[in-house]
């Protein structure tokens, strides 16, 4: 990755100059979210870059997307309490948690990222820009 770009694919060398470019790319999908309940910004979102020539995965710290979330930010970490549904400990569980927990910012941010990529994919299908494998 070059210093003035958002990220790049380690397999095919596709580059995304900005986060906007990354979130607008219909060839990306969220695979999982690996929470770090002690250091929330370090949790990892794993993406798959699905094109005709690439199927690589890449992990990006969720903290790089935190500013997208404008909802409440709770201070109490409720993970592993009796009230915790343990969603953060299942990397493919994307449901929102109803607890007023500090981990909510990461879960809700992941949902926003997924929504952005779903919108990009739908737009590509409607405009005919999506390859068959991306539909």
N, C-alpha and C. Protein backbone atom coordinates (compact mmCIF):
# COMPACT_ATOMS: atom_id res chain seq x y z
N UNK A 1 0.85 -1.18 0.00
CA UNK A 1 0.00 0.00 0.00
C UNK A 1 0.89 1.24 0.00
N UNK A 2 0.56 2.17 -0.85
CA UNK A 2 1.28 3.43 -0.91
C UNK A 2 0.76 4.36 0.18
N UNK A 3 1.59 5.30 0.61
CA UNK A 3 1.22 6.12 1.76
C UNK A 3 0.01 7.02 1.53
N UNK A 4 -0.31 7.36 0.28
CA UNK A 4 -1.46 8.24 0.04
C UNK A 4 -2.63 7.49 -0.59
N UNK A 5 -2.84 6.24 -0.19
CA UNK A 5 -4.01 5.51 -0.64
C UNK A 5 -4.69 4.86 0.56
N UNK A 6 -5.97 4.53 0.38
CA UNK A 6 -6.72 3.92 1.48
C UNK A 6 -6.22 2.49 1.73
N UNK A 7 -6.21 1.68 0.69
CA UNK A 7 -5.71 0.31 0.81
C UNK A 7 -5.51 -0.27 -0.58
N UNK A 8 -4.94 -1.46 -0.61
CA UNK A 8 -4.76 -2.16 -1.88
C UNK A 8 -4.92 -3.66 -1.64
N UNK A 9 -5.19 -4.38 -2.72
CA UNK A 9 -5.34 -5.83 -2.65
C UNK A 9 -3.95 -6.45 -2.75
N UNK A 10 -3.61 -7.27 -1.80
CA UNK A 10 -2.30 -7.91 -1.79
C UNK A 10 -2.13 -8.96 -2.86
N UNK A 11 -3.23 -9.39 -3.47
CA UNK A 11 -3.15 -10.43 -4.48
C UNK A 11 -3.06 -9.86 -5.89
N UNK A 12 -4.00 -8.99 -6.25
CA UNK A 12 -4.05 -8.49 -7.63
C UNK A 12 -3.53 -7.06 -7.77
N UNK A 13 -3.17 -6.43 -6.66
CA UNK A 13 -2.62 -5.07 -6.62
C UNK A 13 -3.63 -3.97 -6.96
N UNK A 14 -4.93 -4.30 -6.98
CA UNK A 14 -5.96 -3.26 -7.14
C UNK A 14 -5.77 -2.25 -6.02
N UNK A 15 -5.84 -0.97 -6.37
CA UNK A 15 -5.66 0.09 -5.37
C UNK A 15 -6.95 0.89 -5.23
N UNK A 16 -7.22 1.30 -4.01
CA UNK A 16 -8.33 2.20 -3.71
C UNK A 16 -7.71 3.45 -3.09
N UNK A 17 -7.80 4.54 -3.80
CA UNK A 17 -7.16 5.79 -3.36
C UNK A 17 -7.81 6.33 -2.10
N UNK A 18 -9.12 6.19 -1.99
CA UNK A 18 -9.85 6.74 -0.85
C UNK A 18 -10.79 5.70 -0.27
N UNK A 19 -11.25 5.97 0.91
CA UNK A 19 -12.24 5.09 1.54
C UNK A 19 -13.53 5.11 0.74
N UNK A 20 -13.88 6.26 0.18
CA UNK A 20 -15.09 6.36 -0.66
C UNK A 20 -14.97 5.42 -1.85
N UNK A 21 -13.82 5.41 -2.51
CA UNK A 21 -13.59 4.50 -3.64
C UNK A 21 -13.76 3.05 -3.19
N UNK A 22 -13.21 2.73 -2.04
CA UNK A 22 -13.28 1.37 -1.51
C UNK A 22 -14.74 0.97 -1.26
N UNK A 23 -15.48 1.81 -0.57
CA UNK A 23 -16.87 1.49 -0.21
C UNK A 23 -17.82 1.53 -1.41
N UNK A 24 -17.38 2.11 -2.52
CA UNK A 24 -18.20 2.17 -3.74
C UNK A 24 -17.86 1.05 -4.71
N UNK A 25 -16.96 0.16 -4.33
CA UNK A 25 -16.53 -0.91 -5.24
C UNK A 25 -17.44 -2.13 -5.11
N UNK A 26 -18.18 -2.45 -6.16
CA UNK A 26 -19.12 -3.58 -6.09
C UNK A 26 -18.45 -4.95 -6.03
N UNK A 27 -17.14 -5.01 -6.22
CA UNK A 27 -16.46 -6.30 -6.19
C UNK A 27 -16.04 -6.71 -4.77
N UNK A 28 -16.34 -5.87 -3.79
CA UNK A 28 -15.97 -6.17 -2.40
C UNK A 28 -17.19 -6.62 -1.60
N UNK A 29 -16.95 -7.57 -0.70
CA UNK A 29 -18.00 -8.04 0.21
C UNK A 29 -17.38 -8.25 1.59
N UNK A 30 -18.18 -8.03 2.62
CA UNK A 30 -17.74 -8.32 3.98
C UNK A 30 -17.93 -9.82 4.22
N UNK A 31 -16.88 -10.46 4.71
CA UNK A 31 -16.92 -11.88 5.02
C UNK A 31 -17.20 -12.10 6.50
N UNK A 32 -16.48 -11.34 7.33
CA UNK A 32 -16.68 -11.48 8.77
C UNK A 32 -16.15 -10.25 9.50
N UNK A 33 -16.46 -10.22 10.78
CA UNK A 33 -15.95 -9.17 11.67
C UNK A 33 -15.41 -9.85 12.91
N UNK A 34 -14.13 -9.67 13.18
CA UNK A 34 -13.48 -10.26 14.35
C UNK A 34 -13.29 -9.16 15.39
N UNK A 35 -14.17 -9.19 16.36
CA UNK A 35 -14.19 -8.15 17.39
C UNK A 35 -12.97 -8.21 18.29
N UNK A 36 -12.60 -7.05 18.78
CA UNK A 36 -11.62 -6.93 19.86
C UNK A 36 -12.35 -6.10 20.92
N UNK A 37 -12.96 -6.78 21.88
CA UNK A 37 -13.82 -6.08 22.84
C UNK A 37 -13.03 -5.23 23.83
N UNK A 38 -11.73 -5.41 23.91
CA UNK A 38 -10.90 -4.58 24.79
C UNK A 38 -10.38 -3.33 24.08
N UNK A 39 -10.10 -3.44 22.80
CA UNK A 39 -9.59 -2.33 22.00
C UNK A 39 -10.42 -2.28 20.71
N UNK A 40 -11.60 -1.67 20.80
CA UNK A 40 -12.61 -1.74 19.75
C UNK A 40 -12.10 -1.37 18.37
N UNK A 41 -11.29 -0.32 18.27
CA UNK A 41 -10.82 0.14 16.95
C UNK A 41 -9.91 -0.88 16.27
N UNK A 42 -9.43 -1.87 17.00
CA UNK A 42 -8.55 -2.89 16.44
C UNK A 42 -9.27 -4.12 15.92
N UNK A 43 -10.59 -4.20 16.13
CA UNK A 43 -11.34 -5.31 15.56
C UNK A 43 -11.17 -5.29 14.05
N UNK A 44 -11.22 -6.46 13.42
CA UNK A 44 -10.95 -6.55 11.99
C UNK A 44 -12.17 -6.94 11.17
N UNK A 45 -12.41 -6.19 10.11
CA UNK A 45 -13.42 -6.54 9.13
C UNK A 45 -12.69 -7.23 7.99
N UNK A 46 -13.11 -8.43 7.65
CA UNK A 46 -12.50 -9.16 6.54
C UNK A 46 -13.38 -8.99 5.30
N UNK A 47 -12.74 -8.59 4.22
CA UNK A 47 -13.41 -8.38 2.94
C UNK A 47 -12.89 -9.41 1.94
N UNK A 48 -13.72 -9.82 1.01
CA UNK A 48 -13.27 -10.61 -0.12
C UNK A 48 -13.35 -9.70 -1.35
N UNK A 49 -12.31 -9.73 -2.16
CA UNK A 49 -12.25 -8.96 -3.40
C UNK A 49 -12.56 -9.95 -4.53
N UNK A 50 -13.80 -9.92 -4.98
CA UNK A 50 -14.29 -10.93 -5.92
C UNK A 50 -14.40 -10.35 -7.32
N UNK A 51 -13.42 -10.68 -8.16
CA UNK A 51 -13.45 -10.29 -9.57
C UNK A 51 -13.16 -11.54 -10.40
N UNK A 52 -13.13 -11.40 -11.72
CA UNK A 52 -12.82 -12.54 -12.57
C UNK A 52 -11.42 -13.09 -12.32
N UNK A 53 -10.51 -12.24 -11.88
CA UNK A 53 -9.12 -12.66 -11.70
C UNK A 53 -8.66 -12.66 -10.25
N UNK A 54 -9.54 -12.33 -9.32
CA UNK A 54 -9.12 -12.24 -7.91
C UNK A 54 -10.22 -12.77 -6.99
N UNK A 55 -9.80 -13.35 -5.92
CA UNK A 55 -10.71 -13.83 -4.88
C UNK A 55 -10.08 -13.68 -3.51
N UNK A 56 -9.14 -12.76 -3.43
CA UNK A 56 -8.36 -12.57 -2.21
C UNK A 56 -9.20 -11.97 -1.09
N UNK A 57 -8.75 -12.21 0.14
CA UNK A 57 -9.36 -11.57 1.29
C UNK A 57 -8.37 -10.57 1.86
N UNK A 58 -8.93 -9.55 2.52
CA UNK A 58 -8.09 -8.55 3.19
C UNK A 58 -8.82 -8.12 4.46
N UNK A 59 -8.06 -7.84 5.49
CA UNK A 59 -8.64 -7.40 6.77
C UNK A 59 -8.24 -5.95 7.03
N UNK A 60 -9.23 -5.17 7.44
CA UNK A 60 -9.01 -3.75 7.73
C UNK A 60 -9.57 -3.47 9.12
N UNK A 61 -8.81 -2.77 9.96
CA UNK A 61 -9.32 -2.44 11.30
C UNK A 61 -10.62 -1.61 11.20
N UNK A 62 -11.61 -1.99 11.98
CA UNK A 62 -12.90 -1.31 11.97
C UNK A 62 -12.76 0.16 12.37
N UNK A 63 -11.75 0.48 13.14
CA UNK A 63 -11.53 1.87 13.55
C UNK A 63 -11.35 2.82 12.39
N UNK A 64 -10.93 2.31 11.23
CA UNK A 64 -10.75 3.16 10.05
C UNK A 64 -12.09 3.63 9.48
N UNK A 65 -13.18 3.06 10.00
CA UNK A 65 -14.52 3.41 9.53
C UNK A 65 -15.39 4.04 10.64
N UNK A 66 -14.86 4.16 11.86
CA UNK A 66 -15.66 4.60 13.01
C UNK A 66 -16.37 5.93 12.78
N UNK A 67 -15.78 6.85 12.04
CA UNK A 67 -16.43 8.15 11.86
C UNK A 67 -17.71 8.07 11.04
N UNK A 68 -17.98 6.94 10.38
CA UNK A 68 -19.22 6.78 9.63
C UNK A 68 -20.42 6.62 10.57
N UNK A 69 -20.15 6.16 11.78
CA UNK A 69 -21.22 5.93 12.75
C UNK A 69 -21.47 7.19 13.55
N UNK A 70 -22.71 7.68 13.51
CA UNK A 70 -23.05 8.92 14.22
C UNK A 70 -24.00 8.69 15.39
N UNK A 71 -24.25 7.44 15.71
CA UNK A 71 -25.16 7.13 16.81
C UNK A 71 -24.49 7.28 18.16
N UNK A 72 -25.21 6.85 19.21
CA UNK A 72 -24.66 6.98 20.57
C UNK A 72 -23.43 6.10 20.77
N UNK A 73 -22.54 6.61 21.60
CA UNK A 73 -21.34 5.86 21.97
C UNK A 73 -21.38 5.62 23.47
N UNK A 74 -21.55 4.39 23.83
CA UNK A 74 -21.67 4.01 25.24
C UNK A 74 -20.30 3.74 25.83
N UNK A 75 -20.15 3.95 27.10
CA UNK A 75 -18.86 3.78 27.75
C UNK A 75 -18.71 2.43 28.45
N UNK A 76 -19.81 1.81 28.84
CA UNK A 76 -19.74 0.56 29.58
C UNK A 76 -19.62 -0.63 28.62
N UNK A 77 -18.60 -1.45 28.83
CA UNK A 77 -18.42 -2.66 28.05
C UNK A 77 -19.22 -3.77 28.72
N UNK A 78 -20.23 -4.26 28.03
CA UNK A 78 -21.10 -5.29 28.60
C UNK A 78 -20.78 -6.69 28.08
N UNK A 79 -19.68 -6.81 27.31
CA UNK A 79 -19.34 -8.13 26.78
C UNK A 79 -19.09 -9.11 27.91
N UNK A 80 -19.59 -10.30 27.72
CA UNK A 80 -19.48 -11.40 28.67
C UNK A 80 -20.24 -11.20 29.97
N UNK A 81 -21.12 -10.20 30.04
CA UNK A 81 -22.02 -10.10 31.18
C UNK A 81 -23.22 -11.01 30.91
N UNK A 82 -24.08 -11.17 31.89
CA UNK A 82 -25.27 -12.00 31.69
C UNK A 82 -26.18 -11.44 30.60
N UNK A 83 -26.16 -10.14 30.40
CA UNK A 83 -27.02 -9.50 29.40
C UNK A 83 -26.46 -9.61 27.98
N UNK A 84 -25.23 -10.01 27.84
CA UNK A 84 -24.55 -10.06 26.54
C UNK A 84 -25.03 -11.26 25.72
N UNK A 85 -25.51 -11.03 24.47
CA UNK A 85 -25.93 -12.14 23.62
C UNK A 85 -24.75 -12.84 22.92
N UNK A 86 -23.54 -12.36 23.13
CA UNK A 86 -22.30 -12.95 22.60
C UNK A 86 -22.16 -12.78 21.08
N UNK A 87 -22.87 -11.83 20.49
CA UNK A 87 -22.75 -11.60 19.04
C UNK A 87 -21.31 -11.27 18.65
N UNK A 88 -20.62 -10.49 19.45
CA UNK A 88 -19.25 -10.07 19.13
C UNK A 88 -18.28 -11.24 19.08
N UNK A 89 -18.65 -12.37 19.62
CA UNK A 89 -17.76 -13.52 19.66
C UNK A 89 -18.04 -14.52 18.54
N UNK A 90 -18.97 -14.16 17.67
CA UNK A 90 -19.28 -14.97 16.49
C UNK A 90 -18.97 -14.10 15.28
N UNK A 91 -17.89 -14.38 14.60
CA UNK A 91 -17.40 -13.48 13.55
C UNK A 91 -18.34 -13.33 12.35
N UNK A 92 -19.32 -14.22 12.20
CA UNK A 92 -20.26 -14.09 11.09
C UNK A 92 -21.66 -13.66 11.56
N UNK A 93 -21.75 -13.22 12.79
CA UNK A 93 -23.02 -12.72 13.34
C UNK A 93 -23.02 -11.20 13.19
N UNK A 94 -23.91 -10.69 12.34
CA UNK A 94 -23.92 -9.26 12.06
C UNK A 94 -25.12 -8.53 12.65
N UNK A 95 -25.97 -9.23 13.39
CA UNK A 95 -27.13 -8.56 13.98
C UNK A 95 -26.71 -7.46 14.96
N UNK A 96 -27.54 -6.43 15.02
CA UNK A 96 -27.31 -5.38 16.02
C UNK A 96 -27.61 -5.92 17.40
N UNK A 97 -26.83 -5.47 18.36
CA UNK A 97 -27.05 -5.83 19.75
C UNK A 97 -27.90 -4.74 20.40
N UNK A 98 -28.84 -5.11 21.20
CA UNK A 98 -29.74 -4.13 21.82
C UNK A 98 -29.18 -3.54 23.11
N UNK A 99 -28.06 -4.06 23.58
CA UNK A 99 -27.47 -3.53 24.82
C UNK A 99 -26.80 -2.18 24.59
N UNK A 100 -26.80 -1.36 25.60
CA UNK A 100 -26.09 -0.08 25.55
C UNK A 100 -24.65 -0.34 25.98
N UNK A 101 -23.93 -0.95 25.06
CA UNK A 101 -22.57 -1.44 25.30
C UNK A 101 -21.58 -0.66 24.45
N UNK A 102 -20.37 -0.49 24.94
CA UNK A 102 -19.34 0.21 24.19
C UNK A 102 -19.02 -0.48 22.86
N UNK A 103 -19.28 -1.77 22.77
CA UNK A 103 -19.00 -2.52 21.54
C UNK A 103 -19.98 -2.19 20.41
N UNK A 104 -21.09 -1.51 20.74
CA UNK A 104 -22.11 -1.20 19.73
C UNK A 104 -21.54 -0.39 18.57
N UNK A 105 -20.61 0.50 18.83
CA UNK A 105 -20.05 1.33 17.77
C UNK A 105 -19.41 0.46 16.69
N UNK A 106 -18.72 -0.59 17.07
CA UNK A 106 -18.07 -1.46 16.10
C UNK A 106 -19.10 -2.27 15.31
N UNK A 107 -20.09 -2.80 16.00
CA UNK A 107 -21.12 -3.60 15.31
C UNK A 107 -21.91 -2.73 14.34
N UNK A 108 -22.29 -1.53 14.78
CA UNK A 108 -23.07 -0.65 13.91
C UNK A 108 -22.23 -0.13 12.75
N UNK A 109 -20.96 0.12 12.98
CA UNK A 109 -20.07 0.56 11.91
C UNK A 109 -19.93 -0.55 10.86
N UNK A 110 -19.81 -1.78 11.30
CA UNK A 110 -19.73 -2.91 10.36
C UNK A 110 -20.99 -2.97 9.51
N UNK A 111 -22.14 -2.75 10.11
CA UNK A 111 -23.40 -2.74 9.36
C UNK A 111 -23.42 -1.63 8.32
N UNK A 112 -22.89 -0.47 8.66
CA UNK A 112 -22.83 0.65 7.70
C UNK A 112 -21.92 0.29 6.53
N UNK A 113 -20.78 -0.29 6.81
CA UNK A 113 -19.85 -0.70 5.75
C UNK A 113 -20.53 -1.72 4.83
N UNK A 114 -21.21 -2.69 5.40
CA UNK A 114 -21.92 -3.69 4.60
C UNK A 114 -22.99 -3.04 3.73
N UNK A 115 -23.70 -2.09 4.28
CA UNK A 115 -24.75 -1.38 3.54
C UNK A 115 -24.15 -0.62 2.36
N UNK A 116 -23.03 0.05 2.57
CA UNK A 116 -22.36 0.78 1.48
C UNK A 116 -21.98 -0.16 0.35
N UNK A 117 -21.41 -1.30 0.68
CA UNK A 117 -20.99 -2.25 -0.35
C UNK A 117 -22.18 -2.89 -1.05
N UNK A 118 -23.27 -3.17 -0.31
CA UNK A 118 -24.48 -3.70 -0.93
C UNK A 118 -25.06 -2.70 -1.92
N UNK A 119 -25.06 -1.43 -1.55
CA UNK A 119 -25.56 -0.38 -2.44
C UNK A 119 -24.71 -0.29 -3.70
N UNK A 120 -23.40 -0.37 -3.55
CA UNK A 120 -22.50 -0.32 -4.71
C UNK A 120 -22.75 -1.51 -5.63
N UNK A 121 -22.97 -2.68 -5.07
CA UNK A 121 -23.23 -3.88 -5.86
C UNK A 121 -24.56 -3.76 -6.60
N UNK A 122 -25.59 -3.28 -5.92
CA UNK A 122 -26.89 -3.09 -6.57
C UNK A 122 -26.80 -2.08 -7.71
N UNK A 123 -26.08 -0.99 -7.47
CA UNK A 123 -25.92 0.04 -8.50
C UNK A 123 -25.23 -0.55 -9.73
N UNK A 124 -24.22 -1.37 -9.52
CA UNK A 124 -23.49 -1.98 -10.63
C UNK A 124 -24.38 -2.94 -11.41
N UNK A 125 -25.24 -3.66 -10.74
CA UNK A 125 -26.16 -4.58 -11.42
C UNK A 125 -27.17 -3.80 -12.26
N UNK A 126 -27.74 -2.76 -11.68
CA UNK A 126 -28.75 -1.96 -12.38
C UNK A 126 -28.16 -1.26 -13.60
N UNK A 127 -26.94 -0.78 -13.48
CA UNK A 127 -26.32 -0.05 -14.59
C UNK A 127 -25.63 -0.98 -15.58
N UNK A 128 -25.60 -2.27 -15.28
CA UNK A 128 -24.96 -3.24 -16.17
C UNK A 128 -23.46 -3.28 -16.04
N UNK A 129 -22.92 -2.70 -15.01
CA UNK A 129 -21.46 -2.65 -14.83
C UNK A 129 -20.92 -3.87 -14.08
N UNK A 130 -21.80 -4.68 -13.50
CA UNK A 130 -21.33 -5.83 -12.73
C UNK A 130 -21.08 -7.02 -13.65
N UNK A 131 -19.96 -7.68 -13.43
CA UNK A 131 -19.67 -8.92 -14.14
C UNK A 131 -20.57 -10.01 -13.57
N UNK A 132 -20.77 -11.07 -14.29
CA UNK A 132 -21.67 -12.14 -13.86
C UNK A 132 -21.30 -12.66 -12.47
N UNK A 133 -20.03 -12.81 -12.16
CA UNK A 133 -19.61 -13.32 -10.87
C UNK A 133 -19.88 -12.37 -9.72
N UNK A 134 -20.15 -11.11 -10.02
CA UNK A 134 -20.38 -10.10 -8.98
C UNK A 134 -21.86 -9.91 -8.69
N UNK A 135 -22.73 -10.61 -9.39
CA UNK A 135 -24.18 -10.44 -9.20
C UNK A 135 -24.71 -11.30 -8.09
